[in-house]
Amino acid sequence: MNIRRVLCFVFKCVSGDAPSYLRHLWSKHESRYNLRRKNCLLLPKPNTEFVKKSVQFVGASLWDSLDNNGGLEESLAEFKSSVQELGC
């Protein structure tokens, strides 16, 4: 899988730019506590290798591996440039 394409796909879904049937793939991790990272996604529990290779699991784990400011960009173009700076 191309990491940049997966991250851009996740960004579109999280920001609401994707079609409605794709937006439910990822949901943000809501916490009562003041955590350092505000925009983490919930990871599905990988019971099988099939789940570990799914775009839902890979996308959430790649998204959560971004730095603290990752995913806070306003537009897709800004997000693409920040991902390219990371070397993905």
C-alpha atoms as a PDB file:
ATOM      1  CA  MET A   1       0.000   0.000   0.000  1.00  0.00           C
ATOM      2  CA  ASN A   2       1.132   3.493  -0.720  1.00  0.00           C
ATOM      3  CA  ILE A   3       1.376   5.243   2.648  1.00  0.00           C
ATOM      4  CA  ARG A   4       0.680   8.720   1.298  1.00  0.00           C
ATOM      5  CA  ARG A   5      -2.449   7.580  -0.550  1.00  0.00           C
ATOM      6  CA  VAL A   6      -3.814   5.824   2.540  1.00  0.00           C
ATOM      7  CA  LEU A   7      -3.158   8.872   4.732  1.00  0.00           C
ATOM      8  CA  CYS A   8      -4.847  11.186   2.212  1.00  0.00           C
ATOM      9  CA  PHE A   9      -7.831   8.830   2.085  1.00  0.00           C
ATOM     10  CA  VAL A  10      -8.073   8.861   5.891  1.00  0.00           C
ATOM     11  CA  PHE A  11      -7.802  12.666   5.902  1.00  0.00           C
ATOM     12  CA  LYS A  12     -10.685  12.949   3.438  1.00  0.00           C
ATOM     13  CA  CYS A  13     -12.846  10.625   5.538  1.00  0.00           C
ATOM     14  CA  VAL A  14     -12.054  12.317   8.848  1.00  0.00           C
ATOM     15  CA  SER A  15     -12.506  15.849   7.493  1.00  0.00           C
ATOM     16  CA  GLY A  16     -15.827  14.971   5.834  1.00  0.00           C
ATOM     17  CA  ASP A  17     -14.711  15.258   2.212  1.00  0.00           C
ATOM     18  CA  ALA A  18     -15.301  11.581   1.422  1.00  0.00           C
ATOM     19  CA  PRO A  19     -18.683  10.096   0.479  1.00  0.00           C
ATOM     20  CA  SER A  20     -20.988   9.366   3.401  1.00  0.00           C
ATOM     21  CA  TYR A  21     -20.653   5.588   3.112  1.00  0.00           C
ATOM     22  CA  LEU A  22     -16.897   5.853   3.759  1.00  0.00           C
ATOM     23  CA  ARG A  23     -16.941   8.312   6.667  1.00  0.00           C
ATOM     24  CA  HIS A  24     -17.894   5.645   9.199  1.00  0.00           C
ATOM     25  CA  LEU A  25     -14.661   3.671   8.664  1.00  0.00           C
ATOM     26  CA  TRP A  26     -12.790   5.768  11.220  1.00  0.00           C
ATOM     27  CA  SER A  27     -13.943   7.495  14.354  1.00  0.00           C
ATOM     28  CA  LYS A  28     -11.948   9.806  16.563  1.00  0.00           C
ATOM     29  CA  HIS A  29     -10.892   8.692  20.008  1.00  0.00           C
ATOM     30  CA  GLU A  30     -12.852  10.777  22.504  1.00  0.00           C
ATOM     31  CA  SER A  31     -11.411  10.989  26.012  1.00  0.00           C
ATOM     32  CA  ARG A  32     -12.381  12.732  29.224  1.00  0.00           C
ATOM     33  CA  TYR A  33      -8.734  13.323  29.961  1.00  0.00           C
ATOM     34  CA  ASN A  34      -6.437  16.013  28.623  1.00  0.00           C
ATOM     35  CA  LEU A  35      -4.173  13.977  26.356  1.00  0.00           C
ATOM     36  CA  ARG A  36      -1.217  15.236  24.354  1.00  0.00           C
ATOM     37  CA  ARG A  37      -2.634  14.010  21.091  1.00  0.00           C
ATOM     38  CA  LYS A  38      -6.084  15.315  20.262  1.00  0.00           C
ATOM     39  CA  ASN A  39      -6.817  13.630  16.921  1.00  0.00           C
ATOM     40  CA  CYS A  40      -6.203   9.927  17.461  1.00  0.00           C
ATOM     41  CA  LEU A  41      -8.400   7.383  15.733  1.00  0.00           C
ATOM     42  CA  LEU A  42      -9.834   4.256  17.283  1.00  0.00           C
ATOM     43  CA  LEU A  43      -7.977   1.122  16.233  1.00  0.00           C
ATOM     44  CA  PRO A  44     -10.067  -1.991  15.615  1.00  0.00           C
ATOM     45  CA  LYS A  45      -8.938  -5.069  17.528  1.00  0.00           C
ATOM     46  CA  PRO A  46      -6.978  -7.283  15.121  1.00  0.00           C
ATOM     47  CA  ASN A  47      -8.266 -10.811  15.686  1.00  0.00           C
ATOM     48  CA  THR A  48      -6.887 -12.117  12.395  1.00  0.00           C
ATOM     49  CA  GLU A  49      -4.243 -11.270   9.818  1.00  0.00           C
ATOM     50  CA  PHE A  50      -7.063 -10.209   7.504  1.00  0.00           C
ATOM     51  CA  VAL A  51      -7.996  -7.370   9.862  1.00  0.00           C
ATOM     52  CA  LYS A  52      -4.361  -6.298  10.194  1.00  0.00           C
ATOM     53  CA  LYS A  53      -4.174  -5.861   6.419  1.00  0.00           C
ATOM     54  CA  SER A  54      -7.463  -3.963   6.097  1.00  0.00           C
ATOM     55  CA  VAL A  55      -7.469  -0.314   5.107  1.00  0.00           C
ATOM     56  CA  GLN A  56      -9.355   0.516   8.300  1.00  0.00           C
ATOM     57  CA  PHE A  57      -6.620  -0.872  10.569  1.00  0.00           C
ATOM     58  CA  VAL A  58      -3.663   0.289   8.447  1.00  0.00           C
ATOM     59  CA  GLY A  59      -5.156   3.754   8.002  1.00  0.00           C
ATOM     60  CA  ALA A  60      -5.811   4.229  11.709  1.00  0.00           C
ATOM     61  CA  SER A  61      -2.357   3.004  12.713  1.00  0.00           C
ATOM     62  CA  LEU A  62      -0.648   5.246  10.131  1.00  0.00           C
ATOM     63  CA  TRP A  63      -2.773   8.206  11.223  1.00  0.00           C
ATOM     64  CA  ASP A  64      -1.905   7.633  14.873  1.00  0.00           C
ATOM     65  CA  SER A  65       1.786   7.386  13.992  1.00  0.00           C
ATOM     66  CA  LEU A  66       1.815  10.978  12.696  1.00  0.00           C
ATOM     67  CA  ASP A  67       3.340  13.616  14.940  1.00  0.00           C
ATOM     68  CA  ASN A  68       1.178  15.654  17.336  1.00  0.00           C
ATOM     69  CA  ASN A  69       0.178  18.207  14.692  1.00  0.00           C
ATOM     70  CA  GLY A  70      -0.542  15.628  11.994  1.00  0.00           C
ATOM     71  CA  GLY A  71      -4.054  15.766  10.617  1.00  0.00           C
ATOM     72  CA  LEU A  72      -4.806  19.258  11.911  1.00  0.00           C
ATOM     73  CA  GLU A  73      -4.312  20.907   8.534  1.00  0.00           C
ATOM     74  CA  GLU A  74      -7.209  22.796   6.984  1.00  0.00           C
ATOM     75  CA  SER A  75      -6.994  21.527   3.408  1.00  0.00           C
ATOM     76  CA  LEU A  76      -5.950  18.393   1.583  1.00  0.00           C
ATOM     77  CA  ALA A  77      -3.133  20.266  -0.184  1.00  0.00           C
ATOM     78  CA  GLU A  78      -1.637  21.354   3.160  1.00  0.00           C
ATOM     79  CA  PHE A  79      -1.944  17.815   4.486  1.00  0.00           C
ATOM     80  CA  LYS A  80      -0.243  16.349   1.408  1.00  0.00           C
ATOM     81  CA  SER A  81       2.677  18.759   1.747  1.00  0.00           C
ATOM     82  CA  SER A  82       3.093  17.986   5.449  1.00  0.00           C
ATOM     83  CA  VAL A  83       3.032  14.237   4.752  1.00  0.00           C
ATOM     84  CA  GLN A  84       5.578  14.696   1.981  1.00  0.00           C
ATOM     85  CA  GLU A  85       7.846  16.573   4.415  1.00  0.00           C
ATOM     86  CA  LEU A  86       7.728  13.543   6.705  1.00  0.00           C
ATOM     87  CA  GLY A  87       9.116  11.426   3.893  1.00  0.00           C
ATOM     88  CA  CYS A  88       6.098   9.189   3.360  1.00  0.00           C
END
